[in-house]
Amino acid sequence: MNVFTRRAAFAAARAPVRTTRRQASGVTSGAVPKEDRKADASAVKKGAKRDPELYVLLAIMSGAFGLAGWHFSSNPTSSSSENKIGKAEGTEPWKTGRDAAYQYHPHGDPSKGRKDAPSALNEVIIPNVNLPKSLHEKYNKWGKEGF
């Protein structure tokens, strides 16, 4: 609380700052006269002597932004949490002429054999259905390999 009262008392005792307009006589836009640069530098030094706790705040904030930058550069965010799977080349259904089942290498290792990817559609297996035999063989996956 002592810091707050000290700062409030200092702000109340400080003289109001006058603002002046500069004439555009020969000074190009963006150019700052040397006297103003010296005045700005001395104001920064005075402020640093008056509030040395700002150095600690600067160090903490620089460290926080530095750590956040390092974290997001080494662990980039993504729109989904899906793992990348190495798809086997040339297994697209329009190239193979098979049913629409892509193939992949387990764990992305091409030395392992190809495996059929699961369907993108949800499948519900109902073992006891009364269908004609041709439809039952076509659509029933119960007890077949991979299900």
Protein backbone atom coordinates (compact mmCIF):
# COMPACT_ATOMS: atom_id res chain seq x y z
CA MET A 1 0.00 0.00 0.00
CA ASN A 2 2.93 2.29 0.65
CA VAL A 3 3.93 2.25 -3.03
CA PHE A 4 0.45 3.30 -4.12
CA THR A 5 0.26 6.24 -1.70
CA ARG A 6 3.75 7.37 -2.65
CA ARG A 7 2.92 7.28 -6.36
CA ALA A 8 -0.39 9.13 -5.84
CA ALA A 9 1.31 11.84 -3.80
CA PHE A 10 4.02 12.24 -6.44
CA ALA A 11 1.49 12.50 -9.26
CA ALA A 12 -0.49 15.14 -7.34
CA ALA A 13 2.63 17.25 -6.67
CA ARG A 14 3.93 17.09 -10.22
CA ALA A 15 3.45 20.19 -12.39
CA PRO A 16 1.10 19.76 -15.37
CA VAL A 17 2.83 19.18 -18.67
CA ARG A 18 2.30 21.80 -21.36
CA THR A 19 1.90 20.69 -24.92
CA THR A 20 3.16 22.95 -27.67
CA ARG A 21 2.59 22.78 -31.38
CA ARG A 22 5.60 22.79 -33.60
CA GLN A 23 5.78 24.92 -36.70
CA ALA A 24 6.50 23.06 -39.92
CA SER A 25 9.43 25.28 -40.83
CA GLY A 26 12.03 23.16 -42.58
CA VAL A 27 11.54 20.05 -40.42
CA THR A 28 10.59 17.01 -42.46
CA SER A 29 7.93 14.72 -41.13
CA GLY A 30 9.30 11.99 -38.88
CA ALA A 31 12.56 13.83 -38.16
CA VAL A 32 13.09 14.56 -34.47
CA PRO A 33 15.45 17.35 -33.45
CA LYS A 34 18.49 16.38 -31.39
CA GLU A 35 17.34 18.37 -28.35
CA ASP A 36 14.05 16.45 -28.22
CA ARG A 37 15.87 13.12 -28.42
CA LYS A 38 18.09 14.14 -25.50
CA ALA A 39 15.05 15.28 -23.52
CA ASP A 40 13.28 11.96 -24.20
CA ALA A 41 16.36 9.99 -23.14
CA SER A 42 16.68 11.98 -19.92
CA ALA A 43 12.96 11.46 -19.22
CA VAL A 44 13.41 7.70 -19.60
CA LYS A 45 16.40 7.73 -17.25
CA LYS A 46 14.47 9.79 -14.68
CA GLY A 47 11.53 7.41 -14.89
CA ALA A 48 13.82 4.41 -14.43
CA LYS A 49 15.41 5.98 -11.34
CA ARG A 50 12.00 6.87 -9.94
CA ASP A 51 10.42 3.41 -10.49
CA PRO A 52 13.15 0.76 -10.31
CA GLU A 53 10.51 -1.98 -9.90
CA LEU A 54 9.81 -1.53 -13.60
CA TYR A 55 13.09 -3.30 -14.35
CA VAL A 56 11.82 -6.38 -12.51
CA LEU A 57 8.52 -6.15 -14.37
CA LEU A 58 10.39 -5.82 -17.68
CA ALA A 59 12.47 -8.91 -16.88
CA ILE A 60 9.41 -10.96 -15.91
CA MET A 61 7.38 -9.91 -18.96
CA SER A 62 10.31 -10.49 -21.32
CA GLY A 63 10.81 -13.95 -19.85
CA ALA A 64 7.10 -14.76 -20.12
CA PHE A 65 6.89 -13.68 -23.75
CA GLY A 66 10.17 -15.45 -24.51
CA LEU A 67 8.90 -18.71 -23.01
CA ALA A 68 5.58 -18.40 -24.84
CA GLY A 69 7.39 -17.79 -28.12
CA TRP A 70 9.67 -20.75 -27.57
CA HIS A 71 6.75 -23.01 -26.63
CA PHE A 72 4.64 -22.12 -29.66
CA SER A 73 7.60 -22.38 -32.01
CA SER A 74 8.54 -25.87 -30.80
CA ASN A 75 4.97 -27.16 -30.23
CA PRO A 76 2.78 -25.60 -32.90
CA THR A 77 -0.94 -25.81 -32.43
CA SER A 78 -3.10 -27.61 -34.94
CA SER A 79 -6.78 -27.67 -35.82
CA SER A 80 -7.22 -31.35 -34.97
CA SER A 81 -5.63 -33.88 -32.70
CA GLU A 82 -5.57 -36.67 -35.27
CA ASN A 83 -2.31 -38.51 -35.80
CA LYS A 84 -0.80 -38.57 -39.25
CA ILE A 85 -0.87 -42.05 -40.74
CA GLY A 86 1.35 -43.06 -43.61
CA LYS A 87 -1.01 -44.05 -46.42
CA ALA A 88 0.33 -46.72 -48.72
CA GLU A 89 1.01 -45.31 -52.18
CA GLY A 90 -1.18 -46.41 -55.07
CA THR A 91 -4.00 -47.84 -52.94
CA GLU A 92 -6.71 -45.39 -53.93
CA PRO A 93 -9.94 -47.17 -54.91
CA TRP A 94 -9.96 -45.63 -58.41
CA LYS A 95 -6.46 -46.99 -59.05
CA THR A 96 -6.95 -50.49 -57.67
CA GLY A 97 -10.51 -51.18 -58.78
CA ARG A 98 -11.36 -52.59 -55.32
CA ASP A 99 -14.10 -51.51 -52.98
CA ALA A 100 -13.51 -48.10 -51.41
CA ALA A 101 -10.94 -49.14 -48.84
CA TYR A 102 -7.66 -47.32 -48.58
CA GLN A 103 -4.64 -49.16 -47.25
CA TYR A 104 -1.96 -48.04 -44.82
CA HIS A 105 1.24 -49.32 -43.26
CA PRO A 106 0.83 -50.09 -39.53
CA HIS A 107 2.61 -47.43 -37.42
CA GLY A 108 3.78 -45.75 -40.64
CA ASP A 109 6.46 -48.42 -41.21
CA PRO A 110 6.63 -49.35 -44.92
CA SER A 111 8.50 -52.58 -44.10
CA LYS A 112 5.29 -53.93 -42.52
CA GLY A 113 2.56 -55.25 -44.77
CA ARG A 114 -0.35 -53.16 -45.95
CA LYS A 115 -3.55 -53.18 -43.96
CA ASP A 116 -7.05 -52.05 -44.98
CA ALA A 117 -8.11 -48.80 -43.35
CA PRO A 118 -11.37 -48.77 -41.41
CA SER A 119 -14.40 -47.31 -43.08
CA ALA A 120 -15.08 -43.61 -42.69
CA LEU A 121 -18.76 -44.46 -42.25
CA ASN A 122 -20.13 -45.70 -38.98
CA GLU A 123 -20.94 -49.39 -39.15
CA VAL A 124 -23.32 -51.20 -36.87
CA ILE A 125 -23.01 -54.96 -36.77
CA ILE A 126 -26.26 -56.76 -36.06
CA PRO A 127 -25.64 -60.51 -36.01
CA ASN A 128 -29.22 -61.78 -36.18
CA VAL A 129 -30.95 -60.38 -39.27
CA ASN A 130 -33.37 -61.92 -41.73
CA LEU A 131 -32.06 -60.94 -45.13
CA PRO A 132 -31.81 -62.82 -48.38
CA LYS A 133 -28.55 -64.77 -48.50
CA SER A 134 -26.99 -62.57 -51.20
CA LEU A 135 -27.60 -59.36 -49.22
CA HIS A 136 -26.57 -61.01 -45.95
CA GLU A 137 -23.19 -62.01 -47.39
CA LYS A 138 -22.68 -58.57 -48.90
CA TYR A 139 -23.53 -56.41 -45.87
CA ASN A 140 -23.02 -58.58 -42.78
CA LYS A 141 -19.52 -58.10 -41.30
CA TRP A 142 -20.08 -60.22 -38.17
CA GLY A 143 -17.34 -62.78 -37.71
CA LYS A 144 -15.41 -61.73 -40.81
CA GLU A 145 -11.74 -60.83 -40.69
CA GLY A 146 -11.07 -57.32 -39.41
CA PHE A 147 -14.37 -56.99 -37.51
